[in-house]
Amino acid sequence: MGFIEESRQLIQDFVAPEIRAIEVRIDAVEKKINELETRMDKRFDKVDAKMDRNQNQLLDTLRRMDTQNQILERLARLESKMQNVA
C-alpha cells in the first residue's frame, strides 16, 4: 500500500467516524436549541398577552379618570354660575 492509500484508510478508519459522531452531537444540540426557542416563544407570548391586558386596563382607567375630570370641571363651572346668580 502506498502512502496515499494508507492516509485514506487512516482517514476512513479514524477521522470519518469522529466527523459522524460530531455531526450527531451537532444535530442533538440543534434539536435542543429549537426546543428551547419554542419554549421561550411560548413564554414571550404569555408575557406579551399579559402586557396587552395591563395596557388595556391602564387605558380604561385613564379614560375613566379623564371622564371624571371632565365631570368635575363641568360641576365647578356650574357651581361658579350658581354663585354668580345667587
PDB file of N, CA and C in Angstrom:
ATOM      1  N   MET A   1       0.840  -1.182   0.000  1.00  0.00           N
ATOM      2  CA  MET A   1       0.000   0.000   0.000  1.00  0.00           C
ATOM      3  C   MET A   1       0.881   1.239   0.000  1.00  0.00           C
ATOM      4  N   GLY A   2       0.465   2.188  -0.771  1.00  0.00           N
ATOM      5  CA  GLY A   2       1.236   3.410  -0.833  1.00  0.00           C
ATOM      6  C   GLY A   2       0.815   4.375   0.272  1.00  0.00           C
ATOM      7  N   PHE A   3       1.573   5.402   0.378  1.00  0.00           N
ATOM      8  CA  PHE A   3       1.333   6.413   1.414  1.00  0.00           C
ATOM      9  C   PHE A   3      -0.056   7.037   1.291  1.00  0.00           C
ATOM     10  N   ILE A   4      -0.470   7.323   0.072  1.00  0.00           N
ATOM     11  CA  ILE A   4      -1.769   7.966  -0.147  1.00  0.00           C
ATOM     12  C   ILE A   4      -2.892   7.026   0.277  1.00  0.00           C
ATOM     13  N   GLU A   5      -2.772   5.764  -0.090  1.00  0.00           N
ATOM     14  CA  GLU A   5      -3.815   4.803   0.290  1.00  0.00           C
ATOM     15  C   GLU A   5      -3.836   4.582   1.795  1.00  0.00           C
ATOM     16  N   GLU A   6      -2.682   4.564   2.419  1.00  0.00           N
ATOM     17  CA  GLU A   6      -2.629   4.416   3.873  1.00  0.00           C
ATOM     18  C   GLU A   6      -3.267   5.629   4.558  1.00  0.00           C
ATOM     19  N   SER A   7      -3.023   6.807   3.999  1.00  0.00           N
ATOM     20  CA  SER A   7      -3.623   8.030   4.555  1.00  0.00           C
ATOM     21  C   SER A   7      -5.134   7.994   4.399  1.00  0.00           C
ATOM     22  N   ARG A   8      -5.593   7.572   3.237  1.00  0.00           N
ATOM     23  CA  ARG A   8      -7.039   7.459   3.030  1.00  0.00           C
ATOM     24  C   ARG A   8      -7.659   6.468   4.010  1.00  0.00           C
ATOM     25  N   GLN A   9      -7.012   5.345   4.160  1.00  0.00           N
ATOM     26  CA  GLN A   9      -7.528   4.330   5.078  1.00  0.00           C
ATOM     27  C   GLN A   9      -7.542   4.862   6.503  1.00  0.00           C
ATOM     28  N   LEU A  10      -6.507   5.572   6.880  1.00  0.00           N
ATOM     29  CA  LEU A  10      -6.438   6.166   8.220  1.00  0.00           C
ATOM     30  C   LEU A  10      -7.578   7.161   8.422  1.00  0.00           C
ATOM     31  N   ILE A  11      -7.816   7.982   7.420  1.00  0.00           N
ATOM     32  CA  ILE A  11      -8.916   8.956   7.499  1.00  0.00           C
ATOM     33  C   ILE A  11     -10.245   8.230   7.603  1.00  0.00           C
ATOM     34  N   GLN A  12     -10.443   7.211   6.781  1.00  0.00           N
ATOM     35  CA  GLN A  12     -11.703   6.471   6.817  1.00  0.00           C
ATOM     36  C   GLN A  12     -11.890   5.745   8.145  1.00  0.00           C
ATOM     37  N   ASP A  13     -10.828   5.234   8.702  1.00  0.00           N
ATOM     38  CA  ASP A  13     -10.919   4.450   9.936  1.00  0.00           C
ATOM     39  C   ASP A  13     -11.081   5.324  11.185  1.00  0.00           C
ATOM     40  N   PHE A  14     -10.443   6.477  11.210  1.00  0.00           N
ATOM     41  CA  PHE A  14     -10.434   7.266  12.442  1.00  0.00           C
ATOM     42  C   PHE A  14     -11.147   8.615  12.335  1.00  0.00           C
ATOM     43  N   VAL A  15     -10.899   9.332  11.280  1.00  0.00           N
ATOM     44  CA  VAL A  15     -11.436  10.682  11.161  1.00  0.00           C
ATOM     45  C   VAL A  15     -12.915  10.667  10.778  1.00  0.00           C
ATOM     46  N   ALA A  16     -13.269   9.839   9.802  1.00  0.00           N
ATOM     47  CA  ALA A  16     -14.660   9.811   9.337  1.00  0.00           C
ATOM     48  C   ALA A  16     -15.633   9.448  10.467  1.00  0.00           C
ATOM     49  N   PRO A  17     -15.370   8.439  11.279  1.00  0.00           N
ATOM     50  CA  PRO A  17     -16.300   8.150  12.384  1.00  0.00           C
ATOM     51  C   PRO A  17     -16.400   9.306  13.387  1.00  0.00           C
ATOM     52  N   GLU A  18     -15.305   9.979  13.617  1.00  0.00           N
ATOM     53  CA  GLU A  18     -15.324  11.131  14.529  1.00  0.00           C
ATOM     54  C   GLU A  18     -16.180  12.257  13.956  1.00  0.00           C
ATOM     55  N   ILE A  19     -16.057  12.465  12.651  1.00  0.00           N
ATOM     56  CA  ILE A  19     -16.864  13.507  11.992  1.00  0.00           C
ATOM     57  C   ILE A  19     -18.345  13.144  12.101  1.00  0.00           C
ATOM     58  N   ARG A  20     -18.673  11.874  11.884  1.00  0.00           N
ATOM     59  CA  ARG A  20     -20.064  11.442  12.008  1.00  0.00           C
ATOM     60  C   ARG A  20     -20.569  11.640  13.444  1.00  0.00           C
ATOM     61  N   ALA A  21     -19.737  11.311  14.394  1.00  0.00           N
ATOM     62  CA  ALA A  21     -20.126  11.483  15.805  1.00  0.00           C
ATOM     63  C   ALA A  21     -20.352  12.964  16.120  1.00  0.00           C
ATOM     64  N   ILE A  22     -19.500  13.814  15.580  1.00  0.00           N
ATOM     65  CA  ILE A  22     -19.663  15.261  15.786  1.00  0.00           C
ATOM     66  C   ILE A  22     -20.950  15.739  15.132  1.00  0.00           C
ATOM     67  N   GLU A  23     -21.259  15.240  13.943  1.00  0.00           N
ATOM     68  CA  GLU A  23     -22.499  15.617  13.266  1.00  0.00           C
ATOM     69  C   GLU A  23     -23.717  15.209  14.097  1.00  0.00           C
ATOM     70  N   VAL A  24     -23.665  14.013  14.676  1.00  0.00           N
ATOM     71  CA  VAL A  24     -24.770  13.551  15.523  1.00  0.00           C
ATOM     72  C   VAL A  24     -24.924  14.471  16.735  1.00  0.00           C
ATOM     73  N   ARG A  25     -23.831  14.835  17.344  1.00  0.00           N
ATOM     74  CA  ARG A  25     -23.890  15.739  18.505  1.00  0.00           C
ATOM     75  C   ARG A  25     -24.407  17.108  18.105  1.00  0.00           C
ATOM     76  N   ILE A  26     -23.977  17.607  16.959  1.00  0.00           N
ATOM     77  CA  ILE A  26     -24.463  18.908  16.479  1.00  0.00           C
ATOM     78  C   ILE A  26     -25.957  18.847  16.228  1.00  0.00           C
ATOM     79  N   ASP A  27     -26.418  17.753  15.622  1.00  0.00           N
ATOM     80  CA  ASP A  27     -27.862  17.596  15.398  1.00  0.00           C
ATOM     81  C   ASP A  27     -28.629  17.603  16.718  1.00  0.00           C
ATOM     82  N   ALA A  28     -28.091  16.942  17.724  1.00  0.00           N
ATOM     83  CA  ALA A  28     -28.747  16.907  19.034  1.00  0.00           C
ATOM     84  C   ALA A  28     -28.785  18.302  19.659  1.00  0.00           C
ATOM     85  N   VAL A  29     -27.696  19.039  19.523  1.00  0.00           N
ATOM     86  CA  VAL A  29     -27.646  20.403  20.059  1.00  0.00           C
ATOM     87  C   VAL A  29     -28.644  21.296  19.323  1.00  0.00           C
ATOM     88  N   GLU A  30     -28.705  21.174  17.997  1.00  0.00           N
ATOM     89  CA  GLU A  30     -29.659  21.972  17.222  1.00  0.00           C
ATOM     90  C   GLU A  30     -31.093  21.646  17.624  1.00  0.00           C
ATOM     91  N   LYS A  31     -31.377  20.382  17.853  1.00  0.00           N
ATOM     92  CA  LYS A  31     -32.719  19.985  18.283  1.00  0.00           C
ATOM     93  C   LYS A  31     -33.047  20.614  19.640  1.00  0.00           C
ATOM     94  N   LYS A  32     -32.094  20.568  20.552  1.00  0.00           N
ATOM     95  CA  LYS A  32     -32.305  21.150  21.883  1.00  0.00           C
ATOM     96  C   LYS A  32     -32.508  22.658  21.780  1.00  0.00           C
ATOM     97  N   ILE A  33     -31.752  23.316  20.938  1.00  0.00           N
ATOM     98  CA  ILE A  33     -31.902  24.762  20.744  1.00  0.00           C
ATOM     99  C   ILE A  33     -33.287  25.077  20.199  1.00  0.00           C
ATOM    100  N   ASN A  34     -33.753  24.294  19.237  1.00  0.00           N
ATOM    101  CA  ASN A  34     -35.090  24.504  18.689  1.00  0.00           C
ATOM    102  C   ASN A  34     -36.166  24.318  19.755  1.00  0.00           C
ATOM    103  N   GLU A  35     -36.008  23.315  20.617  1.00  0.00           N
ATOM    104  CA  GLU A  35     -36.959  23.099  21.710  1.00  0.00           C
ATOM    105  C   GLU A  35     -36.963  24.294  22.663  1.00  0.00           C
ATOM    106  N   LEU A  36     -35.773  24.792  22.983  1.00  0.00           N
ATOM    107  CA  LEU A  36     -35.670  25.940  23.879  1.00  0.00           C
ATOM    108  C   LEU A  36     -36.278  27.183  23.242  1.00  0.00           C
ATOM    109  N   GLU A  37     -36.050  27.371  21.950  1.00  0.00           N
ATOM    110  CA  GLU A  37     -36.646  28.518  21.252  1.00  0.00           C
ATOM    111  C   GLU A  37     -38.166  28.444  21.300  1.00  0.00           C
ATOM    112  N   THR A  38     -38.706  27.246  21.106  1.00  0.00           N
ATOM    113  CA  THR A  38     -40.154  27.070  21.163  1.00  0.00           C
ATOM    114  C   THR A  38     -40.678  27.404  22.550  1.00  0.00           C
ATOM    115  N   ARG A  39     -39.998  26.927  23.581  1.00  0.00           N
ATOM    116  CA  ARG A  39     -40.424  27.232  24.957  1.00  0.00           C
ATOM    117  C   ARG A  39     -40.337  28.724  25.245  1.00  0.00           C
ATOM    118  N   MET A  40     -39.264  29.352  24.779  1.00  0.00           N
ATOM    119  CA  MET A  40     -39.107  30.790  25.010  1.00  0.00           C
ATOM    120  C   MET A  40     -40.190  31.572  24.272  1.00  0.00           C
ATOM    121  N   ASP A  41     -40.491  31.159  23.035  1.00  0.00           N
ATOM    122  CA  ASP A  41     -41.544  31.837  22.276  1.00  0.00           C
ATOM    123  C   ASP A  41     -42.879  31.754  23.013  1.00  0.00           C
ATOM    124  N   LYS A  42     -43.187  30.594  23.572  1.00  0.00           N
ATOM    125  CA  LYS A  42     -44.442  30.435  24.328  1.00  0.00           C
ATOM    126  C   LYS A  42     -44.453  31.363  25.538  1.00  0.00           C
ATOM    127  N   ARG A  43     -43.335  31.438  26.234  1.00  0.00           N
ATOM    128  CA  ARG A  43     -43.262  32.311  27.411  1.00  0.00           C
ATOM    129  C   ARG A  43     -43.408  33.773  27.020  1.00  0.00           C
ATOM    130  N   PHE A  44     -42.752  34.167  25.938  1.00  0.00           N
ATOM    131  CA  PHE A  44     -42.870  35.553  25.486  1.00  0.00           C
ATOM    132  C   PHE A  44     -44.290  35.865  25.035  1.00  0.00           C
ATOM    133  N   ASP A  45     -44.945  34.875  24.414  1.00  0.00           N
ATOM    134  CA  ASP A  45     -46.341  35.079  24.013  1.00  0.00           C
ATOM    135  C   ASP A  45     -47.206  35.358  25.237  1.00  0.00           C
ATOM    136  N   LYS A  46     -46.952  34.613  26.331  1.00  0.00           N
ATOM    137  CA  LYS A  46     -47.724  34.836  27.570  1.00  0.00           C
ATOM    138  C   LYS A  46     -47.443  36.213  28.142  1.00  0.00           C
ATOM    139  N   VAL A  47     -46.174  36.601  28.121  1.00  0.00           N
ATOM    140  CA  VAL A  47     -45.798  37.916  28.647  1.00  0.00           C
ATOM    141  C   VAL A  47     -46.423  39.018  27.797  1.00  0.00           C
ATOM    142  N   ASP A  48     -46.385  38.849  26.482  1.00  0.00           N
ATOM    143  CA  ASP A  48     -46.993  39.840  25.585  1.00  0.00           C
ATOM    144  C   ASP A  48     -48.484  39.969  25.853  1.00  0.00           C
ATOM    145  N   ALA A  49     -49.151  38.840  26.026  1.00  0.00           N
ATOM    146  CA  ALA A  49     -50.592  38.867  26.289  1.00  0.00           C
ATOM    147  C   ALA A  49     -50.883  39.577  27.611  1.00  0.00           C
ATOM    148  N   LYS A  50     -50.066  39.303  28.609  1.00  0.00           N
ATOM    149  CA  LYS A  50     -50.259  39.952  29.915  1.00  0.00           C
ATOM    150  C   LYS A  50     -50.005  41.456  29.812  1.00  0.00           C
ATOM    151  N   MET A  51     -48.987  41.844  29.068  1.00  0.00           N
ATOM    152  CA  MET A  51     -48.707  43.271  28.885  1.00  0.00           C
ATOM    153  C   MET A  51     -49.853  43.955  28.143  1.00  0.00           C
ATOM    154  N   ASP A  52     -50.405  43.285  27.149  1.00  0.00           N
ATOM    155  CA  ASP A  52     -51.543  43.855  26.417  1.00  0.00           C
ATOM    156  C   ASP A  52     -52.739  44.052  27.341  1.00  0.00           C
ATOM    157  N   ARG A  53     -53.022  43.045  28.184  1.00  0.00           N
ATOM    158  CA  ARG A  53     -54.132  43.180  29.136  1.00  0.00           C
ATOM    159  C   ARG A  53     -53.890  44.338  30.097  1.00  0.00           C
ATOM    160  N   ASN A  54     -52.671  44.424  30.616  1.00  0.00           N
ATOM    161  CA  ASN A  54     -52.353  45.510  31.546  1.00  0.00           C
ATOM    162  C   ASN A  54     -52.455  46.872  30.870  1.00  0.00           C
ATOM    163  N   GLN A  55     -52.000  46.953  29.626  1.00  0.00           N
ATOM    164  CA  GLN A  55     -52.084  48.215  28.898  1.00  0.00           C
ATOM    165  C   GLN A  55     -53.546  48.609  28.684  1.00  0.00           C
ATOM    166  N   ASN A  56     -54.362  47.635  28.306  1.00  0.00           N
ATOM    167  CA  ASN A  56     -55.782  47.929  28.102  1.00  0.00           C
ATOM    168  C   ASN A  56     -56.455  48.368  29.394  1.00  0.00           C
ATOM    169  N   GLN A  57     -56.109  47.711  30.498  1.00  0.00           N
ATOM    170  CA  GLN A  57     -56.673  48.111  31.791  1.00  0.00           C
ATOM    171  C   GLN A  57     -56.234  49.523  32.149  1.00  0.00           C
ATOM    172  N   LEU A  58     -54.982  49.825  31.913  1.00  0.00           N
ATOM    173  CA  LEU A  58     -54.464  51.159  32.213  1.00  0.00           C
ATOM    174  C   LEU A  58     -55.162  52.210  31.358  1.00  0.00           C
ATOM    175  N   LEU A  59     -55.330  51.933  30.070  1.00  0.00           N
ATOM    176  CA  LEU A  59     -56.019  52.880  29.191  1.00  0.00           C
ATOM    177  C   LEU A  59     -57.474  53.080  29.628  1.00  0.00           C
ATOM    178  N   ASP A  60     -58.137  52.011  30.024  1.00  0.00           N
ATOM    179  CA  ASP A  60     -59.509  52.136  30.524  1.00  0.00           C
ATOM    180  C   ASP A  60     -59.562  53.014  31.769  1.00  0.00           C
ATOM    181  N   THR A  61     -58.612  52.801  32.671  1.00  0.00           N
ATOM    182  CA  THR A  61     -58.555  53.607  33.891  1.00  0.00           C
ATOM    183  C   THR A  61     -58.310  55.072  33.561  1.00  0.00           C
ATOM    184  N   LEU A  62     -57.400  55.318  32.639  1.00  0.00           N
ATOM    185  CA  LEU A  62     -57.113  56.708  32.241  1.00  0.00           C
ATOM    186  C   LEU A  62     -58.333  57.365  31.592  1.00  0.00           C
ATOM    187  N   ARG A  63     -59.063  56.607  30.789  1.00  0.00           N
ATOM    188  CA  ARG A  63     -60.281  57.152  30.175  1.00  0.00           C
ATOM    189  C   ARG A  63     -61.323  57.498  31.242  1.00  0.00           C
ATOM    190  N   ARG A  64     -61.478  56.609  32.213  1.00  0.00           N
ATOM    191  CA  ARG A  64     -62.432  56.897  33.304  1.00  0.00           C
ATOM    192  C   ARG A  64     -62.011  58.129  34.090  1.00  0.00           C
ATOM    193  N   MET A  65     -60.706  58.238  34.345  1.00  0.00           N
ATOM    194  CA  MET A  65     -60.208  59.403  35.081  1.00  0.00           C
ATOM    195  C   MET A  65     -60.442  60.681  34.281  1.00  0.00           C
ATOM    196  N   ASP A  66     -60.235  60.619  32.970  1.00  0.00           N
ATOM    197  CA  ASP A  66     -60.467  61.775  32.121  1.00  0.00           C
ATOM    198  C   ASP A  66     -61.940  62.171  32.165  1.00  0.00           C
ATOM    199  N   THR A  67     -62.804  61.181  32.093  1.00  0.00           N
ATOM    200  CA  THR A  67     -64.252  61.454  32.165  1.00  0.00           C
ATOM    201  C   THR A  67     -64.602  62.075  33.509  1.00  0.00           C
ATOM    202  N   GLN A  68     -64.037  61.540  34.576  1.00  0.00           N
ATOM    203  CA  GLN A  68     -64.299  62.100  35.908  1.00  0.00           C
ATOM    204  C   GLN A  68     -63.803  63.537  36.003  1.00  0.00           C
ATOM    205  N   ASN A  69     -62.637  63.801  35.436  1.00  0.00           N
ATOM    206  CA  ASN A  69     -62.107  65.169  35.453  1.00  0.00           C
ATOM    207  C   ASN A  69     -63.011  66.119  34.673  1.00  0.00           C
ATOM    208  N   GLN A  70     -63.511  65.658  33.536  1.00  0.00           N
ATOM    209  CA  GLN A  70     -64.416  66.494  32.753  1.00  0.00           C
ATOM    210  C   GLN A  70     -65.694  66.797  33.541  1.00  0.00           C
ATOM    211  N   ILE A  71     -66.207  65.787  34.228  1.00  0.00           N
ATOM    212  CA  ILE A  71     -67.416  65.987  35.036  1.00  0.00           C
ATOM    213  C   ILE A  71     -67.145  66.971  36.165  1.00  0.00           C
ATOM    214  N   LEU A  72     -65.991  66.814  36.818  1.00  0.00           N
ATOM    215  CA  LEU A  72     -65.652  67.734  37.920  1.00  0.00           C
ATOM    216  C   LEU A  72     -65.498  69.162  37.407  1.00  0.00           C
ATOM    217  N   GLU A  73     -64.910  69.336  36.234  1.00  0.00           N
ATOM    218  CA  GLU A  73     -64.766  70.675  35.662  1.00  0.00           C
ATOM    219  C   GLU A  73     -66.133  71.275  35.341  1.00  0.00           C
ATOM    220  N   ARG A  74     -67.006  70.474  34.779  1.00  0.00           N
ATOM    221  CA  ARG A  74     -68.353  70.971  34.467  1.00  0.00           C
ATOM    222  C   ARG A  74     -69.091  71.335  35.756  1.00  0.00           C
ATOM    223  N   LEU A  75     -68.922  70.501  36.770  1.00  0.00           N
ATOM    224  CA  LEU A  75     -69.568  70.771  38.053  1.00  0.00           C
ATOM    225  C   LEU A  75     -69.036  72.073  38.658  1.00  0.00           C
ATOM    226  N   ALA A  76     -67.731  72.282  38.569  1.00  0.00           N
ATOM    227  CA  ALA A  76     -67.137  73.511  39.097  1.00  0.00           C
ATOM    228  C   ALA A  76     -67.666  74.727  38.349  1.00  0.00           C
ATOM    229  N   ARG A  77     -67.811  74.623  37.020  1.00  0.00           N
ATOM    230  CA  ARG A  77     -68.363  75.740  36.248  1.00  0.00           C
ATOM    231  C   ARG A  77     -69.820  76.009  36.635  1.00  0.00           C
ATOM    232  N   LEU A  78     -70.586  74.949  36.819  1.00  0.00           N
ATOM    233  CA  LEU A  78     -71.988  75.127  37.225  1.00  0.00           C
ATOM    234  C   LEU A  78     -72.082  75.762  38.598  1.00  0.00           C
ATOM    235  N   GLU A  79     -71.236  75.308  39.513  1.00  0.00           N
ATOM    236  CA  GLU A  79     -71.255  75.898  40.856  1.00  0.00           C
ATOM    237  C   GLU A  79     -70.863  77.364  40.785  1.00  0.00           C
ATOM    238  N   SER A  80     -69.908  77.708  39.930  1.00  0.00           N
ATOM    239  CA  SER A  80     -69.498  79.097  39.771  1.00  0.00           C
ATOM    240  C   SER A  80     -70.647  79.921  39.217  1.00  0.00           C
ATOM    241  N   LYS A  81     -71.361  79.400  38.232  1.00  0.00           N
ATOM    242  CA  LYS A  81     -72.503  80.118  37.662  1.00  0.00           C
ATOM    243  C   LYS A  81     -73.595  80.294  38.712  1.00  0.00           C
ATOM    244  N   MET A  82     -73.808  79.261  39.518  1.00  0.00           N
ATOM    245  CA  MET A  82     -74.851  79.350  40.556  1.00  0.00           C
ATOM    246  C   MET A  82     -74.503  80.397  41.582  1.00  0.00           C
ATOM    247  N   GLN A  83     -73.228  80.520  41.902  1.00  0.00           N
ATOM    248  CA  GLN A  83     -72.819  81.540  42.879  1.00  0.00           C
ATOM    249  C   GLN A  83     -73.021  82.942  42.285  1.00  0.00           C
ATOM    250  N   ASN A  84     -72.783  83.066  40.997  1.00  0.00           N
ATOM    251  CA  ASN A  84     -72.964  84.372  40.336  1.00  0.00           C
ATOM    252  C   ASN A  84     -74.445  84.746  40.262  1.00  0.00           C
ATOM    253  N   VAL A  85     -75.317  83.756  40.115  1.00  0.00           N
ATOM    254  CA  VAL A  85     -76.753  84.006  40.021  1.00  0.00           C
ATOM    255  C   VAL A  85     -77.316  84.364  41.390  1.00  0.00           C
ATOM    256  N   ALA A  86     -76.816  83.732  42.408  1.00  0.00           N
ATOM    257  CA  ALA A  86     -77.369  83.932  43.749  1.00  0.00           C
ATOM    258  C   ALA A  86     -77.016  85.242  44.339  1.00  0.00           C
TER     259      ALA A  86
END
